[in-house]
Amino acid sequence: MGKWMAIDNKRELIRKHAATPAMTQAQLAKWAKKEFRLRDPPARNTISDIL
């Protein structure tokens, strides 16, 4: 099972989105996978729920 995003990770994702609003949810998912060392990128609906 993959690693879950911690609350701090979710807050960082929100800050990243605010700093770079042109990034799509798919791009944010790829960024989150790399930044937080996740096994898989978060699903689009997960990104949407966080934002």
N, C-alpha and C. Protein backbone atom coordinates (compact mmCIF):
# COMPACT_ATOMS: atom_id res chain seq x y z
N MET A 1 0.85 -1.19 0.00
CA MET A 1 0.00 0.00 0.00
C MET A 1 0.88 1.24 0.00
N GLY A 2 0.47 2.25 -0.70
CA GLY A 2 1.26 3.47 -0.82
C GLY A 2 1.22 4.34 0.42
N LYS A 3 2.12 5.27 0.45
CA LYS A 3 2.21 6.21 1.56
C LYS A 3 1.11 7.27 1.42
N TRP A 4 0.47 7.60 2.52
CA TRP A 4 -0.59 8.60 2.51
C TRP A 4 0.01 9.98 2.66
N MET A 5 -0.70 10.98 2.18
CA MET A 5 -0.25 12.36 2.34
C MET A 5 -0.59 12.84 3.75
N ALA A 6 0.42 13.35 4.44
CA ALA A 6 0.22 13.90 5.77
C ALA A 6 -0.46 15.27 5.66
N ILE A 7 -1.00 15.75 6.74
CA ILE A 7 -1.66 17.07 6.76
C ILE A 7 -0.69 18.15 6.29
N ASP A 8 0.56 18.08 6.74
CA ASP A 8 1.56 19.07 6.32
C ASP A 8 1.78 19.01 4.81
N ASN A 9 1.76 17.80 4.24
CA ASN A 9 1.90 17.65 2.79
C ASN A 9 0.74 18.30 2.06
N LYS A 10 -0.45 18.12 2.59
CA LYS A 10 -1.64 18.71 1.97
C LYS A 10 -1.58 20.23 2.03
N ARG A 11 -1.11 20.76 3.15
CA ARG A 11 -0.96 22.22 3.26
C ARG A 11 0.07 22.73 2.27
N GLU A 12 1.16 21.99 2.10
CA GLU A 12 2.20 22.38 1.13
C GLU A 12 1.65 22.33 -0.29
N LEU A 13 0.80 21.36 -0.59
CA LEU A 13 0.16 21.28 -1.91
C LEU A 13 -0.71 22.51 -2.15
N ILE A 14 -1.44 22.93 -1.14
CA ILE A 14 -2.28 24.13 -1.26
C ILE A 14 -1.41 25.36 -1.51
N ARG A 15 -0.28 25.46 -0.79
CA ARG A 15 0.64 26.60 -1.00
C ARG A 15 1.22 26.57 -2.41
N LYS A 16 1.58 25.39 -2.89
CA LYS A 16 2.13 25.24 -4.25
C LYS A 16 1.09 25.70 -5.27
N HIS A 17 -0.15 25.30 -5.07
CA HIS A 17 -1.22 25.70 -5.99
C HIS A 17 -1.42 27.22 -5.97
N ALA A 18 -1.36 27.82 -4.79
CA ALA A 18 -1.52 29.27 -4.67
C ALA A 18 -0.36 30.01 -5.34
N ALA A 19 0.85 29.45 -5.23
CA ALA A 19 2.03 30.09 -5.81
C ALA A 19 2.09 29.91 -7.33
N THR A 20 1.55 28.80 -7.83
CA THR A 20 1.59 28.51 -9.26
C THR A 20 0.20 28.07 -9.73
N PRO A 21 -0.74 29.02 -9.81
CA PRO A 21 -2.12 28.66 -10.16
C PRO A 21 -2.29 28.09 -11.57
N ALA A 22 -1.29 28.27 -12.43
CA ALA A 22 -1.40 27.75 -13.79
C ALA A 22 -1.18 26.24 -13.85
N MET A 23 -0.64 25.65 -12.79
CA MET A 23 -0.43 24.19 -12.78
C MET A 23 -1.77 23.47 -12.76
N THR A 24 -1.89 22.46 -13.60
CA THR A 24 -3.10 21.65 -13.62
C THR A 24 -3.09 20.69 -12.43
N GLN A 25 -4.22 20.08 -12.17
CA GLN A 25 -4.28 19.11 -11.08
C GLN A 25 -3.39 17.91 -11.38
N ALA A 26 -3.28 17.53 -12.64
CA ALA A 26 -2.40 16.42 -13.02
C ALA A 26 -0.94 16.79 -12.75
N GLN A 27 -0.57 18.03 -13.06
CA GLN A 27 0.80 18.48 -12.79
C GLN A 27 1.07 18.54 -11.29
N LEU A 28 0.08 19.00 -10.53
CA LEU A 28 0.23 19.03 -9.07
C LEU A 28 0.38 17.62 -8.51
N ALA A 29 -0.34 16.67 -9.07
CA ALA A 29 -0.23 15.28 -8.62
C ALA A 29 1.17 14.74 -8.87
N LYS A 30 1.72 15.02 -10.05
CA LYS A 30 3.09 14.58 -10.36
C LYS A 30 4.09 15.25 -9.42
N TRP A 31 3.89 16.55 -9.17
CA TRP A 31 4.76 17.28 -8.26
C TRP A 31 4.69 16.67 -6.86
N ALA A 32 3.49 16.38 -6.38
CA ALA A 32 3.30 15.80 -5.05
C ALA A 32 3.97 14.43 -4.94
N LYS A 33 3.85 13.63 -5.98
CA LYS A 33 4.48 12.30 -5.97
C LYS A 33 5.98 12.42 -5.76
N LYS A 34 6.60 13.33 -6.49
CA LYS A 34 8.05 13.52 -6.38
C LYS A 34 8.42 14.20 -5.05
N GLU A 35 7.73 15.26 -4.72
CA GLU A 35 8.05 16.07 -3.53
C GLU A 35 7.89 15.28 -2.23
N PHE A 36 6.85 14.47 -2.15
CA PHE A 36 6.54 13.76 -0.91
C PHE A 36 6.91 12.28 -0.96
N ARG A 37 7.60 11.88 -2.03
CA ARG A 37 8.07 10.50 -2.20
C ARG A 37 6.94 9.48 -2.07
N LEU A 38 5.87 9.75 -2.81
CA LEU A 38 4.72 8.84 -2.81
C LEU A 38 4.95 7.73 -3.83
N ARG A 39 4.39 6.57 -3.59
CA ARG A 39 4.53 5.47 -4.55
C ARG A 39 3.82 5.79 -5.85
N ASP A 40 2.61 6.34 -5.73
CA ASP A 40 1.80 6.72 -6.89
C ASP A 40 1.37 8.17 -6.73
N PRO A 41 1.15 8.86 -7.84
CA PRO A 41 0.63 10.23 -7.71
C PRO A 41 -0.80 10.19 -7.16
N PRO A 42 -1.18 11.19 -6.39
CA PRO A 42 -2.57 11.25 -5.91
C PRO A 42 -3.54 11.34 -7.09
N ALA A 43 -4.70 10.75 -6.94
CA ALA A 43 -5.72 10.82 -7.99
C ALA A 43 -6.21 12.26 -8.15
N ARG A 44 -6.74 12.56 -9.33
CA ARG A 44 -7.21 13.91 -9.60
C ARG A 44 -8.27 14.33 -8.59
N ASN A 45 -9.18 13.42 -8.25
CA ASN A 45 -10.22 13.78 -7.30
C ASN A 45 -9.65 14.04 -5.90
N THR A 46 -8.55 13.39 -5.55
CA THR A 46 -7.89 13.66 -4.27
C THR A 46 -7.31 15.06 -4.27
N ILE A 47 -6.65 15.44 -5.36
CA ILE A 47 -6.10 16.79 -5.49
C ILE A 47 -7.24 17.80 -5.40
N SER A 48 -8.33 17.53 -6.11
CA SER A 48 -9.48 18.43 -6.10
C SER A 48 -10.05 18.58 -4.69
N ASP A 49 -10.16 17.48 -3.96
CA ASP A 49 -10.68 17.53 -2.58
C ASP A 49 -9.77 18.35 -1.67
N ILE A 50 -8.46 18.22 -1.85
CA ILE A 50 -7.50 18.95 -1.01
C ILE A 50 -7.59 20.45 -1.28
N LEU A 51 -7.70 20.79 -2.57
CA LEU A 51 -7.75 22.21 -2.93
C LEU A 51 -9.10 22.81 -2.59
